[in-house]
Amino acid sequence: MVKKIIFSALLSLALVTTSCREKSTVSPQTHPQVRMRTVPQGVGVNIHFYRGSIKDWEMIEQAGIGIVRMDVSWAAVEKSRGEYNFRAIDQLIEKLDQHRIRL
């Protein structure tokens, strides 16, 4: 029993001391294309509609929203196996383009 306690104590000490090392001064490497991407200025929101009413679009414009995010349900796109319908998404993108809002 004493051997187990001593072994556990030594193992714990070894684990603690090996995690106490000098902080690395080397900067992490980033892929050049990742570095070049910037977050656009403006405010973004998540929307939960494909069409939206005139009032929805007016409120988005008045709020100065320049970016939206939209969840797309695959079940809505592929209602029958192998048959895809992106019409609602295409219409949403057209509406966003009309209002100069990024998706």
N, C-alpha and C. Protein backbone atom coordinates (compact mmCIF):
# COMPACT_ATOMS: atom_id res chain seq x y z
N MET A 1 0.82 -1.18 0.00
CA MET A 1 0.00 0.00 0.00
C MET A 1 0.86 1.26 0.00
N VAL A 2 1.92 1.23 0.82
CA VAL A 2 2.83 2.37 0.89
C VAL A 2 3.50 2.58 -0.47
N LYS A 3 3.86 1.47 -1.15
CA LYS A 3 4.50 1.58 -2.47
C LYS A 3 3.56 2.27 -3.46
N LYS A 4 2.27 1.95 -3.38
CA LYS A 4 1.30 2.57 -4.29
C LYS A 4 1.20 4.07 -4.04
N ILE A 5 1.22 4.46 -2.78
CA ILE A 5 1.13 5.88 -2.42
C ILE A 5 2.36 6.62 -2.91
N ILE A 6 3.54 6.03 -2.67
CA ILE A 6 4.79 6.66 -3.12
C ILE A 6 4.80 6.75 -4.64
N PHE A 7 4.41 5.68 -5.32
CA PHE A 7 4.38 5.67 -6.78
C PHE A 7 3.42 6.75 -7.30
N SER A 8 2.25 6.86 -6.68
CA SER A 8 1.26 7.86 -7.10
C SER A 8 1.79 9.27 -6.88
N ALA A 9 2.46 9.48 -5.75
CA ALA A 9 3.02 10.80 -5.45
C ALA A 9 4.10 11.17 -6.45
N LEU A 10 5.00 10.22 -6.75
CA LEU A 10 6.07 10.49 -7.72
C LEU A 10 5.50 10.73 -9.12
N LEU A 11 4.51 9.96 -9.50
CA LEU A 11 3.88 10.14 -10.80
C LEU A 11 3.21 11.51 -10.89
N SER A 12 2.52 11.90 -9.83
CA SER A 12 1.87 13.22 -9.81
C SER A 12 2.90 14.33 -9.89
N LEU A 13 4.00 14.19 -9.15
CA LEU A 13 5.07 15.17 -9.18
C LEU A 13 5.68 15.28 -10.57
N ALA A 14 5.89 14.14 -11.21
CA ALA A 14 6.45 14.14 -12.56
C ALA A 14 5.51 14.83 -13.54
N LEU A 15 4.24 14.58 -13.44
CA LEU A 15 3.27 15.21 -14.34
C LEU A 15 3.20 16.71 -14.13
N VAL A 16 3.23 17.13 -12.88
CA VAL A 16 3.16 18.56 -12.58
C VAL A 16 4.41 19.28 -13.05
N THR A 17 5.57 18.72 -12.80
CA THR A 17 6.82 19.40 -13.17
C THR A 17 7.05 19.42 -14.67
N THR A 18 6.59 18.41 -15.39
CA THR A 18 6.79 18.44 -16.84
C THR A 18 5.88 19.44 -17.52
N SER A 19 4.77 19.80 -16.89
CA SER A 19 3.89 20.80 -17.50
C SER A 19 4.34 22.21 -17.17
N CYS A 20 5.29 22.37 -16.25
CA CYS A 20 5.82 23.67 -15.88
C CYS A 20 7.09 23.94 -16.68
N ARG A 21 6.92 24.38 -17.89
CA ARG A 21 8.09 24.66 -18.72
C ARG A 21 8.01 26.09 -19.22
N GLU A 22 9.10 26.54 -19.81
CA GLU A 22 9.15 27.90 -20.30
C GLU A 22 8.15 28.11 -21.41
N LYS A 23 7.60 29.31 -21.45
CA LYS A 23 6.65 29.64 -22.50
C LYS A 23 7.39 29.78 -23.83
N SER A 24 6.81 29.24 -24.87
CA SER A 24 7.43 29.32 -26.19
C SER A 24 7.34 30.74 -26.73
N THR A 25 8.42 31.23 -27.31
CA THR A 25 8.42 32.56 -27.91
C THR A 25 8.23 32.49 -29.42
N VAL A 26 8.08 31.29 -29.94
CA VAL A 26 7.89 31.13 -31.38
C VAL A 26 6.42 31.35 -31.71
N SER A 27 6.16 32.22 -32.69
CA SER A 27 4.79 32.48 -33.11
C SER A 27 4.25 31.30 -33.90
N PRO A 28 3.00 30.97 -33.72
CA PRO A 28 2.43 29.87 -34.50
C PRO A 28 2.36 30.24 -35.98
N GLN A 29 2.57 29.26 -36.82
CA GLN A 29 2.53 29.50 -38.26
C GLN A 29 1.08 29.52 -38.74
N THR A 30 0.76 30.47 -39.59
CA THR A 30 -0.57 30.59 -40.17
C THR A 30 -0.45 30.51 -41.67
N HIS A 31 -1.36 29.80 -42.28
CA HIS A 31 -1.36 29.69 -43.73
C HIS A 31 -1.57 31.09 -44.33
N PRO A 32 -0.81 31.47 -45.37
CA PRO A 32 -0.91 32.83 -45.94
C PRO A 32 -2.33 33.23 -46.35
N GLN A 33 -3.10 32.33 -46.90
CA GLN A 33 -4.46 32.68 -47.32
C GLN A 33 -5.36 32.97 -46.13
N VAL A 34 -5.10 32.33 -45.01
CA VAL A 34 -5.90 32.59 -43.82
C VAL A 34 -5.59 33.99 -43.29
N ARG A 35 -4.32 34.37 -43.33
CA ARG A 35 -3.92 35.69 -42.84
C ARG A 35 -4.56 36.80 -43.66
N MET A 36 -4.72 36.60 -44.96
CA MET A 36 -5.21 37.65 -45.83
C MET A 36 -6.71 37.91 -45.66
N ARG A 37 -7.44 36.96 -45.14
CA ARG A 37 -8.88 37.13 -45.01
C ARG A 37 -9.20 38.05 -43.84
N THR A 38 -10.08 38.97 -44.06
CA THR A 38 -10.47 39.89 -43.00
C THR A 38 -11.97 39.82 -42.78
N VAL A 39 -12.38 40.19 -41.61
CA VAL A 39 -13.80 40.27 -41.31
C VAL A 39 -14.29 41.60 -41.87
N PRO A 40 -15.33 41.57 -42.71
CA PRO A 40 -15.83 42.83 -43.27
C PRO A 40 -16.41 43.73 -42.20
N GLN A 41 -16.35 45.01 -42.46
CA GLN A 41 -16.92 45.95 -41.50
C GLN A 41 -18.43 45.86 -41.56
N GLY A 42 -19.06 46.12 -40.47
CA GLY A 42 -20.51 46.10 -40.43
C GLY A 42 -21.02 45.10 -39.42
N VAL A 43 -22.32 45.00 -39.38
CA VAL A 43 -22.98 44.12 -38.44
C VAL A 43 -23.64 42.98 -39.20
N GLY A 44 -23.59 41.79 -38.63
CA GLY A 44 -24.23 40.64 -39.26
C GLY A 44 -25.22 39.99 -38.32
N VAL A 45 -26.20 39.32 -38.91
CA VAL A 45 -27.21 38.61 -38.12
C VAL A 45 -27.49 37.26 -38.74
N ASN A 46 -28.11 36.40 -37.97
CA ASN A 46 -28.57 35.11 -38.48
C ASN A 46 -30.06 35.26 -38.77
N ILE A 47 -30.47 34.92 -40.01
CA ILE A 47 -31.89 35.02 -40.35
C ILE A 47 -32.49 33.62 -40.42
N HIS A 48 -33.79 33.56 -40.25
CA HIS A 48 -34.48 32.27 -40.24
C HIS A 48 -35.64 32.27 -41.23
N PHE A 49 -35.43 32.90 -42.39
CA PHE A 49 -36.46 32.91 -43.42
C PHE A 49 -35.79 32.92 -44.79
N TYR A 50 -36.49 32.38 -45.77
CA TYR A 50 -35.99 32.39 -47.14
C TYR A 50 -36.51 33.59 -47.91
N ARG A 51 -37.72 34.02 -47.64
CA ARG A 51 -38.31 35.12 -48.39
C ARG A 51 -38.28 36.42 -47.60
N GLY A 52 -38.90 36.44 -46.47
CA GLY A 52 -38.98 37.64 -45.67
C GLY A 52 -40.01 38.60 -46.22
N SER A 53 -40.61 39.36 -45.34
CA SER A 53 -41.61 40.35 -45.76
C SER A 53 -40.90 41.66 -46.10
N ILE A 54 -41.64 42.57 -46.71
CA ILE A 54 -41.08 43.89 -47.02
C ILE A 54 -40.61 44.54 -45.72
N LYS A 55 -41.38 44.37 -44.66
CA LYS A 55 -41.02 44.95 -43.35
C LYS A 55 -39.70 44.35 -42.84
N ASP A 56 -39.49 43.04 -43.03
CA ASP A 56 -38.23 42.40 -42.62
C ASP A 56 -37.05 43.07 -43.30
N TRP A 57 -37.15 43.23 -44.63
CA TRP A 57 -36.04 43.81 -45.38
C TRP A 57 -35.81 45.27 -45.01
N GLU A 58 -36.90 46.02 -44.76
CA GLU A 58 -36.76 47.42 -44.33
C GLU A 58 -36.05 47.50 -42.98
N MET A 59 -36.43 46.63 -42.05
CA MET A 59 -35.79 46.64 -40.72
C MET A 59 -34.30 46.29 -40.83
N ILE A 60 -33.97 45.32 -41.67
CA ILE A 60 -32.56 44.93 -41.84
C ILE A 60 -31.77 46.10 -42.40
N GLU A 61 -32.33 46.78 -43.41
CA GLU A 61 -31.63 47.93 -44.00
C GLU A 61 -31.50 49.06 -42.98
N GLN A 62 -32.57 49.39 -42.26
CA GLN A 62 -32.54 50.48 -41.28
C GLN A 62 -31.54 50.21 -40.16
N ALA A 63 -31.35 48.94 -39.83
CA ALA A 63 -30.41 48.58 -38.77
C ALA A 63 -28.96 48.61 -39.26
N GLY A 64 -28.77 48.76 -40.56
CA GLY A 64 -27.41 48.80 -41.10
C GLY A 64 -26.76 47.43 -41.18
N ILE A 65 -27.57 46.39 -41.27
CA ILE A 65 -27.05 45.03 -41.37
C ILE A 65 -26.44 44.84 -42.75
N GLY A 66 -25.20 44.38 -42.80
CA GLY A 66 -24.52 44.19 -44.08
C GLY A 66 -24.20 42.73 -44.38
N ILE A 67 -24.40 41.87 -43.39
CA ILE A 67 -24.05 40.46 -43.55
C ILE A 67 -25.14 39.63 -42.87
N VAL A 68 -25.58 38.56 -43.53
CA VAL A 68 -26.50 37.64 -42.88
C VAL A 68 -25.98 36.23 -43.00
N ARG A 69 -26.40 35.42 -42.07
CA ARG A 69 -26.08 33.99 -42.08
C ARG A 69 -27.42 33.27 -42.10
N MET A 70 -27.47 32.21 -42.88
CA MET A 70 -28.73 31.47 -43.00
C MET A 70 -28.46 29.99 -42.87
N ASP A 71 -29.17 29.32 -41.98
CA ASP A 71 -29.09 27.86 -41.90
C ASP A 71 -29.92 27.27 -43.03
N VAL A 72 -29.36 26.28 -43.72
CA VAL A 72 -30.07 25.63 -44.82
C VAL A 72 -30.35 24.19 -44.42
N SER A 73 -31.61 23.83 -44.46
CA SER A 73 -32.00 22.46 -44.15
C SER A 73 -31.85 21.60 -45.39
N TRP A 74 -31.03 20.57 -45.31
CA TRP A 74 -30.83 19.70 -46.47
C TRP A 74 -32.14 19.01 -46.83
N ALA A 75 -32.97 18.73 -45.84
CA ALA A 75 -34.27 18.10 -46.10
C ALA A 75 -35.15 19.01 -46.96
N ALA A 76 -34.98 20.31 -46.85
CA ALA A 76 -35.75 21.24 -47.67
C ALA A 76 -35.22 21.30 -49.10
N VAL A 77 -33.93 21.03 -49.27
CA VAL A 77 -33.31 21.05 -50.60
C VAL A 77 -33.54 19.74 -51.33
N GLU A 78 -33.42 18.62 -50.63
CA GLU A 78 -33.57 17.30 -51.25
C GLU A 78 -34.79 16.61 -50.63
N LYS A 79 -35.97 16.96 -51.14
CA LYS A 79 -37.20 16.37 -50.60
C LYS A 79 -37.38 14.94 -51.06
N SER A 80 -36.89 14.62 -52.25
CA SER A 80 -36.89 13.25 -52.77
C SER A 80 -35.45 12.88 -53.07
N ARG A 81 -35.09 11.65 -52.79
CA ARG A 81 -33.71 11.20 -52.97
C ARG A 81 -33.22 11.50 -54.39
N GLY A 82 -32.12 12.24 -54.47
CA GLY A 82 -31.49 12.56 -55.75
C GLY A 82 -32.11 13.73 -56.49
N GLU A 83 -33.15 14.34 -55.96
CA GLU A 83 -33.79 15.50 -56.59
C GLU A 83 -33.55 16.73 -55.70
N TYR A 84 -32.82 17.70 -56.26
CA TYR A 84 -32.42 18.88 -55.50
C TYR A 84 -33.15 20.11 -56.00
N ASN A 85 -33.61 20.94 -55.08
CA ASN A 85 -34.31 22.16 -55.43
C ASN A 85 -33.73 23.30 -54.59
N PHE A 86 -32.93 24.14 -55.25
CA PHE A 86 -32.29 25.27 -54.58
C PHE A 86 -33.04 26.58 -54.84
N ARG A 87 -34.26 26.50 -55.38
CA ARG A 87 -34.99 27.71 -55.78
C ARG A 87 -35.12 28.71 -54.63
N ALA A 88 -35.51 28.26 -53.45
CA ALA A 88 -35.70 29.17 -52.32
C ALA A 88 -34.39 29.85 -51.93
N ILE A 89 -33.29 29.11 -51.99
CA ILE A 89 -31.98 29.69 -51.65
C ILE A 89 -31.56 30.68 -52.72
N ASP A 90 -31.77 30.33 -53.99
CA ASP A 90 -31.45 31.25 -55.09
C ASP A 90 -32.24 32.55 -54.96
N GLN A 91 -33.52 32.45 -54.62
CA GLN A 91 -34.35 33.64 -54.45
C GLN A 91 -33.86 34.49 -53.28
N LEU A 92 -33.44 33.83 -52.20
CA LEU A 92 -32.89 34.56 -51.06
C LEU A 92 -31.63 35.32 -51.47
N ILE A 93 -30.75 34.66 -52.21
CA ILE A 93 -29.51 35.31 -52.64
C ILE A 93 -29.81 36.50 -53.54
N GLU A 94 -30.79 36.37 -54.44
CA GLU A 94 -31.18 37.50 -55.30
C GLU A 94 -31.68 38.67 -54.45
N LYS A 95 -32.49 38.36 -53.44
CA LYS A 95 -33.03 39.41 -52.56
C LYS A 95 -31.89 40.09 -51.79
N LEU A 96 -30.95 39.30 -51.30
CA LEU A 96 -29.80 39.87 -50.59
C LEU A 96 -28.98 40.76 -51.51
N ASP A 97 -28.79 40.32 -52.75
CA ASP A 97 -28.05 41.14 -53.73
C ASP A 97 -28.76 42.47 -53.97
N GLN A 98 -30.08 42.44 -54.07
CA GLN A 98 -30.85 43.67 -54.29
C GLN A 98 -30.64 44.66 -53.15
N HIS A 99 -30.46 44.16 -51.96
CA HIS A 99 -30.28 45.02 -50.78
C HIS A 99 -28.80 45.19 -50.41
N ARG A 100 -27.92 44.70 -51.26
CA ARG A 100 -26.46 44.79 -51.05
C ARG A 100 -26.05 44.22 -49.68
N ILE A 101 -26.58 43.04 -49.38
CA ILE A 101 -26.27 42.34 -48.13
C ILE A 101 -25.52 41.07 -48.48
N ARG A 102 -24.42 40.83 -47.78
CA ARG A 102 -23.60 39.63 -48.02
C ARG A 102 -24.17 38.44 -47.26
N LEU A 103 -24.00 37.27 -47.87
CA LEU A 103 -24.43 36.03 -47.23
C LEU A 103 -23.22 35.30 -46.72
